């Protein structure tokens, strides 16, 4: 039976779990909610980079991404940051939807699944 490794475990959730070479990240949200959608997106993608690195993966190994926006009208600005970040030739399957956030100051939340190297 394959083991499950959890990282950054808290009482409610783990930031990451790894099972059979697949990395599952919890929804990542910005720390600095005073920033606009571009700033919040950059923050969240930085968190994704850090967690994937800890798991022995990177953005070129993305299997699926779910993006939740508080305002779907922010999709253009978010995509500018996303397009500059994502690995060319390795763009993952992705869904982007509008959602009511757990914290009204969050403009974005991103959920990632990736393969280890």
PDB file of N, CA and C in Angstrom:
ATOM      1  N   UNK A   1       0.842  -1.173   0.000  1.00  0.00           N
ATOM      2  CA  UNK A   1       0.000   0.000   0.000  1.00  0.00           C
ATOM      3  C   UNK A   1       0.888   1.237   0.000  1.00  0.00           C
ATOM      4  N   UNK A   2       0.623   2.158  -0.909  1.00  0.00           N
ATOM      5  CA  UNK A   2       1.413   3.380  -1.010  1.00  0.00           C
ATOM      6  C   UNK A   2       1.075   4.318   0.146  1.00  0.00           C
ATOM      7  N   UNK A   3       2.106   4.963   0.654  1.00  0.00           N
ATOM      8  CA  UNK A   3       1.890   5.880   1.770  1.00  0.00           C
ATOM      9  C   UNK A   3       1.447   7.255   1.276  1.00  0.00           C
ATOM     10  N   UNK A   4       0.874   7.990   2.178  1.00  0.00           N
ATOM     11  CA  UNK A   4       0.489   9.374   1.926  1.00  0.00           C
ATOM     12  C   UNK A   4       1.354  10.245   2.824  1.00  0.00           C
ATOM     13  N   UNK A   5       2.003  11.246   2.226  1.00  0.00           N
ATOM     14  CA  UNK A   5       2.809  12.193   2.980  1.00  0.00           C
ATOM     15  C   UNK A   5       2.084  13.529   2.987  1.00  0.00           C
ATOM     16  N   UNK A   6       1.861  14.062   4.172  1.00  0.00           N
ATOM     17  CA  UNK A   6       1.195  15.353   4.300  1.00  0.00           C
ATOM     18  C   UNK A   6       2.200  16.375   4.828  1.00  0.00           C
ATOM     19  N   UNK A   7       2.103  17.627   4.323  1.00  0.00           N
ATOM     20  CA  UNK A   7       3.003  18.694   4.752  1.00  0.00           C
ATOM     21  C   UNK A   7       2.203  19.901   5.201  1.00  0.00           C
ATOM     22  N   UNK A   8       2.796  20.637   6.137  1.00  0.00           N
ATOM     23  CA  UNK A   8       2.153  21.837   6.676  1.00  0.00           C
ATOM     24  C   UNK A   8       0.755  21.475   7.187  1.00  0.00           C
ATOM     25  N   UNK A   9       0.735  20.482   8.075  1.00  0.00           N
ATOM     26  CA  UNK A   9      -0.513  19.937   8.612  1.00  0.00           C
ATOM     27  C   UNK A   9      -1.044  20.843   9.717  1.00  0.00           C
ATOM     28  N   UNK A  10      -2.285  21.216   9.589  1.00  0.00           N
ATOM     29  CA  UNK A  10      -2.950  22.021  10.608  1.00  0.00           C
ATOM     30  C   UNK A  10      -4.160  21.280  11.137  1.00  0.00           C
ATOM     31  N   UNK A  11      -4.885  21.885  12.052  1.00  0.00           N
ATOM     32  CA  UNK A  11      -6.051  21.222  12.635  1.00  0.00           C
ATOM     33  C   UNK A  11      -7.207  21.046  11.642  1.00  0.00           C
ATOM     34  N   UNK A  12      -7.261  21.878  10.598  1.00  0.00           N
ATOM     35  CA  UNK A  12      -8.356  21.812   9.640  1.00  0.00           C
ATOM     36  C   UNK A  12      -7.935  21.224   8.300  1.00  0.00           C
ATOM     37  N   UNK A  13      -6.707  21.481   7.894  1.00  0.00           N
ATOM     38  CA  UNK A  13      -6.262  21.013   6.581  1.00  0.00           C
ATOM     39  C   UNK A  13      -4.753  20.926   6.521  1.00  0.00           C
ATOM     40  N   UNK A  14      -4.279  20.189   5.531  1.00  0.00           N
ATOM     41  CA  UNK A  14      -2.858  20.153   5.186  1.00  0.00           C
ATOM     42  C   UNK A  14      -2.691  20.983   3.925  1.00  0.00           C
ATOM     43  N   UNK A  15      -1.592  21.698   3.835  1.00  0.00           N
ATOM     44  CA  UNK A  15      -1.339  22.497   2.634  1.00  0.00           C
ATOM     45  C   UNK A  15      -1.028  21.609   1.434  1.00  0.00           C
ATOM     46  N   UNK A  16      -0.539  20.381   1.712  1.00  0.00           N
ATOM     47  CA  UNK A  16      -0.125  19.521   0.612  1.00  0.00           C
ATOM     48  C   UNK A  16      -0.171  18.062   1.048  1.00  0.00           C
ATOM     49  N   UNK A  17      -0.541  17.201   0.109  1.00  0.00           N
ATOM     50  CA  UNK A  17      -0.447  15.756   0.302  1.00  0.00           C
ATOM     51  C   UNK A  17       0.178  15.167  -0.957  1.00  0.00           C
ATOM     52  N   UNK A  18       1.003  14.143  -0.771  1.00  0.00           N
ATOM     53  CA  UNK A  18       1.640  13.454  -1.895  1.00  0.00           C
ATOM     54  C   UNK A  18       1.307  11.975  -1.781  1.00  0.00           C
ATOM     55  N   UNK A  19       0.841  11.406  -2.905  1.00  0.00           N
ATOM     56  CA  UNK A  19       0.487   9.991  -2.936  1.00  0.00           C
ATOM     57  C   UNK A  19       0.816   9.445  -4.317  1.00  0.00           C
ATOM     58  N   UNK A  20       1.560   8.356  -4.360  1.00  0.00           N
ATOM     59  CA  UNK A  20       1.920   7.703  -5.631  1.00  0.00           C
ATOM     60  C   UNK A  20       2.474   8.674  -6.670  1.00  0.00           C
ATOM     61  N   UNK A  21       3.320   9.599  -6.246  1.00  0.00           N
ATOM     62  CA  UNK A  21       3.953  10.525  -7.179  1.00  0.00           C
ATOM     63  C   UNK A  21       3.079  11.670  -7.631  1.00  0.00           C
ATOM     64  N   UNK A  22       1.910  11.826  -7.028  1.00  0.00           N
ATOM     65  CA  UNK A  22       1.026  12.936  -7.367  1.00  0.00           C
ATOM     66  C   UNK A  22       0.957  13.883  -6.181  1.00  0.00           C
ATOM     67  N   UNK A  23       1.086  15.172  -6.465  1.00  0.00           N
ATOM     68  CA  UNK A  23       1.084  16.226  -5.450  1.00  0.00           C
ATOM     69  C   UNK A  23      -0.267  16.935  -5.503  1.00  0.00           C
ATOM     70  N   UNK A  24      -0.921  17.007  -4.360  1.00  0.00           N
ATOM     71  CA  UNK A  24      -2.215  17.684  -4.248  1.00  0.00           C
ATOM     72  C   UNK A  24      -2.044  18.880  -3.316  1.00  0.00           C
ATOM     73  N   UNK A  25      -2.309  20.071  -3.810  1.00  0.00           N
ATOM     74  CA  UNK A  25      -2.221  21.264  -2.972  1.00  0.00           C
ATOM     75  C   UNK A  25      -3.610  21.695  -2.529  1.00  0.00           C
ATOM     76  N   UNK A  26      -3.688  22.168  -1.290  1.00  0.00           N
ATOM     77  CA  UNK A  26      -4.913  22.805  -0.819  1.00  0.00           C
ATOM     78  C   UNK A  26      -5.096  24.104  -1.605  1.00  0.00           C
ATOM     79  N   UNK A  27      -6.269  24.665  -1.547  1.00  0.00           N
ATOM     80  CA  UNK A  27      -6.497  25.960  -2.185  1.00  0.00           C
ATOM     81  C   UNK A  27      -5.555  27.000  -1.598  1.00  0.00           C
ATOM     82  N   UNK A  28      -4.817  27.670  -2.454  1.00  0.00           N
ATOM     83  CA  UNK A  28      -3.855  28.681  -2.029  1.00  0.00           C
ATOM     84  C   UNK A  28      -4.482  30.061  -2.179  1.00  0.00           C
ATOM     85  N   UNK A  29      -4.384  30.849  -1.122  1.00  0.00           N
ATOM     86  CA  UNK A  29      -4.948  32.196  -1.101  1.00  0.00           C
ATOM     87  C   UNK A  29      -3.853  33.188  -0.723  1.00  0.00           C
ATOM     88  N   UNK A  30      -4.028  34.449  -1.060  1.00  0.00           N
ATOM     89  CA  UNK A  30      -2.985  35.440  -0.782  1.00  0.00           C
ATOM     90  C   UNK A  30      -2.861  35.775   0.700  1.00  0.00           C
ATOM     91  N   UNK A  31      -1.654  36.131   1.114  1.00  0.00           N
ATOM     92  CA  UNK A  31      -1.418  36.625   2.476  1.00  0.00           C
ATOM     93  C   UNK A  31      -1.756  38.108   2.567  1.00  0.00           C
ATOM     94  N   UNK A  32      -1.375  38.873   1.545  1.00  0.00           N
ATOM     95  CA  UNK A  32      -1.597  40.322   1.528  1.00  0.00           C
ATOM     96  C   UNK A  32      -2.837  40.620   0.686  1.00  0.00           C
ATOM     97  N   UNK A  33      -3.954  40.772   1.350  1.00  0.00           N
ATOM     98  CA  UNK A  33      -5.219  40.984   0.641  1.00  0.00           C
ATOM     99  C   UNK A  33      -5.439  42.440   0.251  1.00  0.00           C
ATOM    100  N   UNK A  34      -4.467  43.307   0.542  1.00  0.00           N
ATOM    101  CA  UNK A  34      -4.598  44.707   0.122  1.00  0.00           C
ATOM    102  C   UNK A  34      -4.238  44.877  -1.352  1.00  0.00           C
ATOM    103  N   UNK A  35      -3.618  43.869  -1.951  1.00  0.00           N
ATOM    104  CA  UNK A  35      -3.187  43.961  -3.345  1.00  0.00           C
ATOM    105  C   UNK A  35      -4.348  43.720  -4.297  1.00  0.00           C
ATOM    106  N   UNK A  36      -4.187  44.211  -5.527  1.00  0.00           N
ATOM    107  CA  UNK A  36      -5.197  43.991  -6.568  1.00  0.00           C
ATOM    108  C   UNK A  36      -5.089  42.561  -7.090  1.00  0.00           C
ATOM    109  N   UNK A  37      -5.902  42.208  -8.065  1.00  0.00           N
ATOM    110  CA  UNK A  37      -5.916  40.831  -8.578  1.00  0.00           C
ATOM    111  C   UNK A  37      -4.555  40.407  -9.118  1.00  0.00           C
ATOM    112  N   UNK A  38      -3.831  41.313  -9.751  1.00  0.00           N
ATOM    113  CA  UNK A  38      -2.501  40.946 -10.259  1.00  0.00           C
ATOM    114  C   UNK A  38      -1.568  40.585  -9.104  1.00  0.00           C
ATOM    115  N   UNK A  39      -1.556  41.404  -8.067  1.00  0.00           N
ATOM    116  CA  UNK A  39      -0.693  41.157  -6.922  1.00  0.00           C
ATOM    117  C   UNK A  39      -1.080  39.895  -6.177  1.00  0.00           C
ATOM    118  N   UNK A  40      -2.393  39.702  -5.990  1.00  0.00           N
ATOM    119  CA  UNK A  40      -2.834  38.491  -5.296  1.00  0.00           C
ATOM    120  C   UNK A  40      -2.531  37.246  -6.122  1.00  0.00           C
ATOM    121  N   UNK A  41      -2.697  37.319  -7.425  1.00  0.00           N
ATOM    122  CA  UNK A  41      -2.385  36.173  -8.284  1.00  0.00           C
ATOM    123  C   UNK A  41      -0.898  35.837  -8.210  1.00  0.00           C
ATOM    124  N   UNK A  42      -0.044  36.851  -8.279  1.00  0.00           N
ATOM    125  CA  UNK A  42       1.403  36.624  -8.193  1.00  0.00           C
ATOM    126  C   UNK A  42       1.778  35.980  -6.865  1.00  0.00           C
ATOM    127  N   UNK A  43       1.163  36.451  -5.774  1.00  0.00           N
ATOM    128  CA  UNK A  43       1.427  35.855  -4.460  1.00  0.00           C
ATOM    129  C   UNK A  43       1.070  34.377  -4.445  1.00  0.00           C
ATOM    130  N   UNK A  44      -0.134  34.074  -4.911  1.00  0.00           N
ATOM    131  CA  UNK A  44      -0.617  32.694  -4.878  1.00  0.00           C
ATOM    132  C   UNK A  44       0.247  31.796  -5.759  1.00  0.00           C
ATOM    133  N   UNK A  45       0.619  32.258  -6.929  1.00  0.00           N
ATOM    134  CA  UNK A  45       1.478  31.448  -7.804  1.00  0.00           C
ATOM    135  C   UNK A  45       2.849  31.234  -7.172  1.00  0.00           C
ATOM    136  N   UNK A  46       3.341  32.211  -6.425  1.00  0.00           N
ATOM    137  CA  UNK A  46       4.587  32.033  -5.681  1.00  0.00           C
ATOM    138  C   UNK A  46       4.459  30.949  -4.624  1.00  0.00           C
ATOM    139  N   UNK A  47       3.311  30.897  -3.963  1.00  0.00           N
ATOM    140  CA  UNK A  47       3.057  29.845  -2.971  1.00  0.00           C
ATOM    141  C   UNK A  47       3.015  28.477  -3.642  1.00  0.00           C
ATOM    142  N   UNK A  48       2.384  28.413  -4.809  1.00  0.00           N
ATOM    143  CA  UNK A  48       2.334  27.163  -5.569  1.00  0.00           C
ATOM    144  C   UNK A  48       3.753  26.719  -5.920  1.00  0.00           C
ATOM    145  N   UNK A  49       4.573  27.641  -6.421  1.00  0.00           N
ATOM    146  CA  UNK A  49       5.964  27.318  -6.756  1.00  0.00           C
ATOM    147  C   UNK A  49       6.694  26.739  -5.543  1.00  0.00           C
ATOM    148  N   UNK A  50       6.549  27.388  -4.394  1.00  0.00           N
ATOM    149  CA  UNK A  50       7.257  26.959  -3.181  1.00  0.00           C
ATOM    150  C   UNK A  50       6.812  25.564  -2.761  1.00  0.00           C
ATOM    151  N   UNK A  51       5.506  25.331  -2.711  1.00  0.00           N
ATOM    152  CA  UNK A  51       5.014  24.023  -2.285  1.00  0.00           C
ATOM    153  C   UNK A  51       5.395  22.919  -3.271  1.00  0.00           C
ATOM    154  N   UNK A  52       5.280  23.200  -4.557  1.00  0.00           N
ATOM    155  CA  UNK A  52       5.681  22.193  -5.547  1.00  0.00           C
ATOM    156  C   UNK A  52       7.165  21.868  -5.409  1.00  0.00           C
ATOM    157  N   UNK A  53       7.986  22.881  -5.184  1.00  0.00           N
ATOM    158  CA  UNK A  53       9.419  22.655  -4.981  1.00  0.00           C
ATOM    159  C   UNK A  53       9.685  21.754  -3.784  1.00  0.00           C
ATOM    160  N   UNK A  54       8.947  21.977  -2.689  1.00  0.00           N
ATOM    161  CA  UNK A  54       9.087  21.129  -1.503  1.00  0.00           C
ATOM    162  C   UNK A  54       8.752  19.672  -1.816  1.00  0.00           C
ATOM    163  N   UNK A  55       7.827  19.477  -2.748  1.00  0.00           N
ATOM    164  CA  UNK A  55       7.375  18.119  -3.086  1.00  0.00           C
ATOM    165  C   UNK A  55       8.195  17.481  -4.198  1.00  0.00           C
ATOM    166  N   UNK A  56       9.200  18.192  -4.704  1.00  0.00           N
ATOM    167  CA  UNK A  56      10.004  17.644  -5.794  1.00  0.00           C
ATOM    168  C   UNK A  56       9.291  17.749  -7.129  1.00  0.00           C
ATOM    169  N   UNK A  57       8.586  18.838  -7.326  1.00  0.00           N
ATOM    170  CA  UNK A  57       7.867  19.067  -8.573  1.00  0.00           C
ATOM    171  C   UNK A  57       8.048  20.527  -8.972  1.00  0.00           C
ATOM    172  N   UNK A  58       7.422  20.919 -10.054  1.00  0.00           N
ATOM    173  CA  UNK A  58       7.423  22.322 -10.460  1.00  0.00           C
ATOM    174  C   UNK A  58       6.258  22.566 -11.416  1.00  0.00           C
ATOM    175  N   UNK A  59       6.108  23.808 -11.845  1.00  0.00           N
ATOM    176  CA  UNK A  59       4.949  24.185 -12.662  1.00  0.00           C
ATOM    177  C   UNK A  59       4.914  23.507 -14.029  1.00  0.00           C
ATOM    178  N   UNK A  60       6.005  22.932 -14.482  1.00  0.00           N
ATOM    179  CA  UNK A  60       5.987  22.204 -15.758  1.00  0.00           C
ATOM    180  C   UNK A  60       5.330  20.833 -15.604  1.00  0.00           C
ATOM    181  N   UNK A  61       5.033  20.441 -14.362  1.00  0.00           N
ATOM    182  CA  UNK A  61       4.465  19.119 -14.070  1.00  0.00           C
ATOM    183  C   UNK A  61       2.998  19.192 -13.642  1.00  0.00           C
ATOM    184  N   UNK A  62       2.344  20.331 -13.886  1.00  0.00           N
ATOM    185  CA  UNK A  62       0.951  20.504 -13.494  1.00  0.00           C
ATOM    186  C   UNK A  62       0.050  19.530 -14.244  1.00  0.00           C
ATOM    187  N   UNK A  63      -0.840  18.887 -13.503  1.00  0.00           N
ATOM    188  CA  UNK A  63      -1.809  17.955 -14.086  1.00  0.00           C
ATOM    189  C   UNK A  63      -3.186  18.601 -14.236  1.00  0.00           C
ATOM    190  N   UNK A  64      -3.552  19.444 -13.281  1.00  0.00           N
ATOM    191  CA  UNK A  64      -4.852  20.113 -13.317  1.00  0.00           C
ATOM    192  C   UNK A  64      -4.812  21.319 -12.387  1.00  0.00           C
ATOM    193  N   UNK A  65      -5.508  22.381 -12.785  1.00  0.00           N
ATOM    194  CA  UNK A  65      -5.577  23.599 -11.979  1.00  0.00           C
ATOM    195  C   UNK A  65      -7.021  24.080 -11.956  1.00  0.00           C
ATOM    196  N   UNK A  66      -7.461  24.469 -10.770  1.00  0.00           N
ATOM    197  CA  UNK A  66      -8.772  25.095 -10.599  1.00  0.00           C
ATOM    198  C   UNK A  66      -8.540  26.479 -10.026  1.00  0.00           C
ATOM    199  N   UNK A  67      -9.096  27.491 -10.693  1.00  0.00           N
ATOM    200  CA  UNK A  67      -8.942  28.873 -10.246  1.00  0.00           C
ATOM    201  C   UNK A  67     -10.318  29.414  -9.887  1.00  0.00           C
ATOM    202  N   UNK A  68     -10.392  29.968  -8.689  1.00  0.00           N
ATOM    203  CA  UNK A  68     -11.628  30.572  -8.206  1.00  0.00           C
ATOM    204  C   UNK A  68     -11.407  32.075  -8.088  1.00  0.00           C
ATOM    205  N   UNK A  69     -12.247  32.847  -8.727  1.00  0.00           N
ATOM    206  CA  UNK A  69     -12.163  34.308  -8.685  1.00  0.00           C
ATOM    207  C   UNK A  69     -13.392  34.862  -7.976  1.00  0.00           C
ATOM    208  N   UNK A  70     -13.180  35.844  -7.115  1.00  0.00           N
ATOM    209  CA  UNK A  70     -14.308  36.501  -6.457  1.00  0.00           C
ATOM    210  C   UNK A  70     -15.138  37.261  -7.485  1.00  0.00           C
ATOM    211  N   UNK A  71     -14.461  37.789  -8.511  1.00  0.00           N
ATOM    212  CA  UNK A  71     -15.132  38.547  -9.574  1.00  0.00           C
ATOM    213  C   UNK A  71     -14.591  38.056 -10.914  1.00  0.00           C
ATOM    214  N   UNK A  72     -15.423  37.384 -11.690  1.00  0.00           N
ATOM    215  CA  UNK A  72     -14.981  36.839 -12.983  1.00  0.00           C
ATOM    216  C   UNK A  72     -14.506  37.942 -13.919  1.00  0.00           C
ATOM    217  N   UNK A  73     -14.896  39.173 -13.632  1.00  0.00           N
ATOM    218  CA  UNK A  73     -14.403  40.310 -14.413  1.00  0.00           C
ATOM    219  C   UNK A  73     -12.903  40.507 -14.284  1.00  0.00           C
ATOM    220  N   UNK A  74     -12.284  39.886 -13.278  1.00  0.00           N
ATOM    221  CA  UNK A  74     -10.827  39.970 -13.080  1.00  0.00           C
ATOM    222  C   UNK A  74     -10.053  38.965 -13.927  1.00  0.00           C
ATOM    223  N   UNK A  75     -10.752  38.162 -14.733  1.00  0.00           N
ATOM    224  CA  UNK A  75     -10.073  37.080 -15.451  1.00  0.00           C
ATOM    225  C   UNK A  75      -8.983  37.587 -16.393  1.00  0.00           C
ATOM    226  N   UNK A  76      -9.207  38.703 -17.050  1.00  0.00           N
ATOM    227  CA  UNK A  76      -8.197  39.236 -17.973  1.00  0.00           C
ATOM    228  C   UNK A  76      -6.907  39.596 -17.261  1.00  0.00           C
ATOM    229  N   UNK A  77      -7.009  40.336 -16.172  1.00  0.00           N
ATOM    230  CA  UNK A  77      -5.829  40.738 -15.404  1.00  0.00           C
ATOM    231  C   UNK A  77      -5.159  39.521 -14.774  1.00  0.00           C
ATOM    232  N   UNK A  78      -5.965  38.583 -14.269  1.00  0.00           N
ATOM    233  CA  UNK A  78      -5.400  37.362 -13.702  1.00  0.00           C
ATOM    234  C   UNK A  78      -4.655  36.581 -14.773  1.00  0.00           C
ATOM    235  N   UNK A  79      -5.252  36.477 -15.967  1.00  0.00           N
ATOM    236  CA  UNK A  79      -4.609  35.730 -17.050  1.00  0.00           C
ATOM    237  C   UNK A  79      -3.284  36.354 -17.472  1.00  0.00           C
ATOM    238  N   UNK A  80      -3.146  37.669 -17.373  1.00  0.00           N
ATOM    239  CA  UNK A  80      -1.858  38.307 -17.701  1.00  0.00           C
ATOM    240  C   UNK A  80      -0.756  37.755 -16.802  1.00  0.00           C
ATOM    241  N   UNK A  81      -1.042  37.649 -15.517  1.00  0.00           N
ATOM    242  CA  UNK A  81      -0.055  37.131 -14.562  1.00  0.00           C
ATOM    243  C   UNK A  81       0.143  35.633 -14.787  1.00  0.00           C
ATOM    244  N   UNK A  82      -0.958  34.913 -14.977  1.00  0.00           N
ATOM    245  CA  UNK A  82      -0.895  33.469 -15.228  1.00  0.00           C
ATOM    246  C   UNK A  82      -0.049  33.172 -16.465  1.00  0.00           C
ATOM    247  N   UNK A  83      -0.325  33.869 -17.569  1.00  0.00           N
ATOM    248  CA  UNK A  83       0.367  33.608 -18.832  1.00  0.00           C
ATOM    249  C   UNK A  83       1.871  33.848 -18.719  1.00  0.00           C
ATOM    250  N   UNK A  84       2.272  34.831 -17.914  1.00  0.00           N
ATOM    251  CA  UNK A  84       3.700  35.104 -17.711  1.00  0.00           C
ATOM    252  C   UNK A  84       4.346  34.039 -16.818  1.00  0.00           C
ATOM    253  N   UNK A  85       3.540  33.364 -16.009  1.00  0.00           N
ATOM    254  CA  UNK A  85       4.056  32.383 -15.045  1.00  0.00           C
ATOM    255  C   UNK A  85       4.085  30.961 -15.590  1.00  0.00           C
ATOM    256  N   UNK A  86       3.033  30.539 -16.266  1.00  0.00           N
ATOM    257  CA  UNK A  86       2.885  29.143 -16.671  1.00  0.00           C
ATOM    258  C   UNK A  86       3.987  28.745 -17.656  1.00  0.00           C
ATOM    259  N   UNK A  87       4.399  27.484 -17.614  1.00  0.00           N
ATOM    260  CA  UNK A  87       5.464  26.993 -18.487  1.00  0.00           C
ATOM    261  C   UNK A  87       4.938  26.792 -19.904  1.00  0.00           C
ATOM    262  N   UNK A  88       5.528  27.494 -20.846  1.00  0.00           N
ATOM    263  CA  UNK A  88       5.129  27.354 -22.256  1.00  0.00           C
ATOM    264  C   UNK A  88       5.280  25.900 -22.682  1.00  0.00           C
ATOM    265  N   UNK A  89       4.274  25.391 -23.364  1.00  0.00           N
ATOM    266  CA  UNK A  89       4.297  24.008 -23.809  1.00  0.00           C
ATOM    267  C   UNK A  89       3.861  23.013 -22.748  1.00  0.00           C
ATOM    268  N   UNK A  90       3.630  23.502 -21.533  1.00  0.00           N
ATOM    269  CA  UNK A  90       3.218  22.629 -20.425  1.00  0.00           C
ATOM    270  C   UNK A  90       1.967  23.178 -19.736  1.00  0.00           C
ATOM    271  N   UNK A  91       1.134  23.893 -20.489  1.00  0.00           N
ATOM    272  CA  UNK A  91      -0.075  24.447 -19.884  1.00  0.00           C
ATOM    273  C   UNK A  91      -1.011  23.312 -19.481  1.00  0.00           C
ATOM    274  N   UNK A  92      -1.526  23.369 -18.255  1.00  0.00           N
ATOM    275  CA  UNK A  92      -2.345  22.272 -17.739  1.00  0.00           C
ATOM    276  C   UNK A  92      -3.814  22.416 -18.118  1.00  0.00           C
ATOM    277  N   UNK A  93      -4.586  21.346 -17.988  1.00  0.00           N
ATOM    278  CA  UNK A  93      -6.029  21.493 -18.012  1.00  0.00           C
ATOM    279  C   UNK A  93      -6.393  22.455 -16.874  1.00  0.00           C
ATOM    280  N   UNK A  94      -7.346  23.359 -17.140  1.00  0.00           N
ATOM    281  CA  UNK A  94      -7.646  24.388 -16.152  1.00  0.00           C
ATOM    282  C   UNK A  94      -9.118  24.761 -16.194  1.00  0.00           C
ATOM    283  N   UNK A  95      -9.669  25.042 -15.033  1.00  0.00           N
ATOM    284  CA  UNK A  95     -11.022  25.591 -14.929  1.00  0.00           C
ATOM    285  C   UNK A  95     -10.923  26.898 -14.160  1.00  0.00           C
ATOM    286  N   UNK A  96     -11.681  27.892 -14.583  1.00  0.00           N
ATOM    287  CA  UNK A  96     -11.735  29.174 -13.884  1.00  0.00           C
ATOM    288  C   UNK A  96     -13.197  29.538 -13.694  1.00  0.00           C
ATOM    289  N   UNK A  97     -13.576  29.755 -12.443  1.00  0.00           N
ATOM    290  CA  UNK A  97     -14.964  30.072 -12.126  1.00  0.00           C
ATOM    291  C   UNK A  97     -15.033  31.219 -11.125  1.00  0.00           C
ATOM    292  N   UNK A  98     -16.183  31.857 -11.086  1.00  0.00           N
ATOM    293  CA  UNK A  98     -16.449  32.846 -10.049  1.00  0.00           C
ATOM    294  C   UNK A  98     -16.996  32.118  -8.833  1.00  0.00           C
ATOM    295  N   UNK A  99     -16.531  32.523  -7.657  1.00  0.00           N
ATOM    296  CA  UNK A  99     -16.973  31.864  -6.424  1.00  0.00           C
ATOM    297  C   UNK A  99     -17.002  32.867  -5.280  1.00  0.00           C
ATOM    298  N   UNK A 100     -17.885  32.633  -4.344  1.00  0.00           N
ATOM    299  CA  UNK A 100     -17.898  33.424  -3.118  1.00  0.00           C
ATOM    300  C   UNK A 100     -16.765  32.902  -2.241  1.00  0.00           C
ATOM    301  N   UNK A 101     -15.875  33.791  -1.840  1.00  0.00           N
ATOM    302  CA  UNK A 101     -14.685  33.389  -1.089  1.00  0.00           C
ATOM    303  C   UNK A 101     -14.966  33.286   0.414  1.00  0.00           C
ATOM    304  N   UNK A 102     -14.175  32.477   1.111  1.00  0.00           N
ATOM    305  CA  UNK A 102     -14.296  32.322   2.556  1.00  0.00           C
ATOM    306  C   UNK A 102     -13.974  33.632   3.273  1.00  0.00           C
ATOM    307  N   UNK A 103     -13.089  34.432   2.684  1.00  0.00           N
ATOM    308  CA  UNK A 103     -12.727  35.749   3.206  1.00  0.00           C
ATOM    309  C   UNK A 103     -13.022  36.743   2.084  1.00  0.00           C
ATOM    310  N   UNK A 104     -13.836  37.728   2.345  1.00  0.00           N
ATOM    311  CA  UNK A 104     -14.254  38.683   1.316  1.00  0.00           C
ATOM    312  C   UNK A 104     -13.076  39.453   0.706  1.00  0.00           C
ATOM    313  N   UNK A 105     -11.935  39.487   1.387  1.00  0.00           N
ATOM    314  CA  UNK A 105     -10.768  40.198   0.863  1.00  0.00           C
ATOM    315  C   UNK A 105      -9.983  39.373  -0.160  1.00  0.00           C
ATOM    316  N   UNK A 106     -10.228  38.060  -0.217  1.00  0.00           N
ATOM    317  CA  UNK A 106      -9.559  37.226  -1.211  1.00  0.00           C
ATOM    318  C   UNK A 106     -10.170  37.502  -2.575  1.00  0.00           C
ATOM    319  N   UNK A 107      -9.325  37.762  -3.545  1.00  0.00           N
ATOM    320  CA  UNK A 107      -9.779  37.925  -4.925  1.00  0.00           C
ATOM    321  C   UNK A 107      -9.596  36.645  -5.726  1.00  0.00           C
ATOM    322  N   UNK A 108      -8.744  35.725  -5.200  1.00  0.00           N
ATOM    323  CA  UNK A 108      -8.406  34.510  -5.940  1.00  0.00           C
ATOM    324  C   UNK A 108      -8.038  33.380  -4.980  1.00  0.00           C
ATOM    325  N   UNK A 109      -8.333  32.166  -5.417  1.00  0.00           N
ATOM    326  CA  UNK A 109      -7.860  30.956  -4.759  1.00  0.00           C
ATOM    327  C   UNK A 109      -7.528  29.966  -5.861  1.00  0.00           C
ATOM    328  N   UNK A 110      -6.402  29.275  -5.735  1.00  0.00           N
ATOM    329  CA  UNK A 110      -5.963  28.333  -6.761  1.00  0.00           C
ATOM    330  C   UNK A 110      -5.684  26.975  -6.124  1.00  0.00           C
ATOM    331  N   UNK A 111      -6.249  25.921  -6.755  1.00  0.00           N
ATOM    332  CA  UNK A 111      -6.039  24.534  -6.351  1.00  0.00           C
ATOM    333  C   UNK A 111      -5.235  23.849  -7.448  1.00  0.00           C
ATOM    334  N   UNK A 112      -4.175  23.143  -7.067  1.00  0.00           N
ATOM    335  CA  UNK A 112      -3.261  22.533  -8.037  1.00  0.00           C
ATOM    336  C   UNK A 112      -3.054  21.057  -7.738  1.00  0.00           C
ATOM    337  N   UNK A 113      -2.999  20.266  -8.814  1.00  0.00           N
ATOM    338  CA  UNK A 113      -2.541  18.876  -8.742  1.00  0.00           C
ATOM    339  C   UNK A 113      -1.378  18.767  -9.724  1.00  0.00           C
ATOM    340  N   UNK A 114      -0.289  18.128  -9.287  1.00  0.00           N
ATOM    341  CA  UNK A 114       0.902  18.027 -10.131  1.00  0.00           C
ATOM    342  C   UNK A 114       1.568  16.667  -9.935  1.00  0.00           C
ATOM    343  N   UNK A 115       2.416  16.309 -10.890  1.00  0.00           N
ATOM    344  CA  UNK A 115       3.212  15.088 -10.795  1.00  0.00           C
ATOM    345  C   UNK A 115       4.582  15.423 -10.235  1.00  0.00           C
ATOM    346  N   UNK A 116       5.131  14.507  -9.436  1.00  0.00           N
ATOM    347  CA  UNK A 116       6.505  14.673  -8.991  1.00  0.00           C
ATOM    348  C   UNK A 116       7.434  14.381 -10.157  1.00  0.00           C
ATOM    349  N   UNK A 117       8.676  14.842 -10.038  1.00  0.00           N
ATOM    350  CA  UNK A 117       9.672  14.592 -11.080  1.00  0.00           C
ATOM    351  C   UNK A 117      10.149  13.161 -11.001  1.00  0.00           C
TER     352      UNK A 117
END
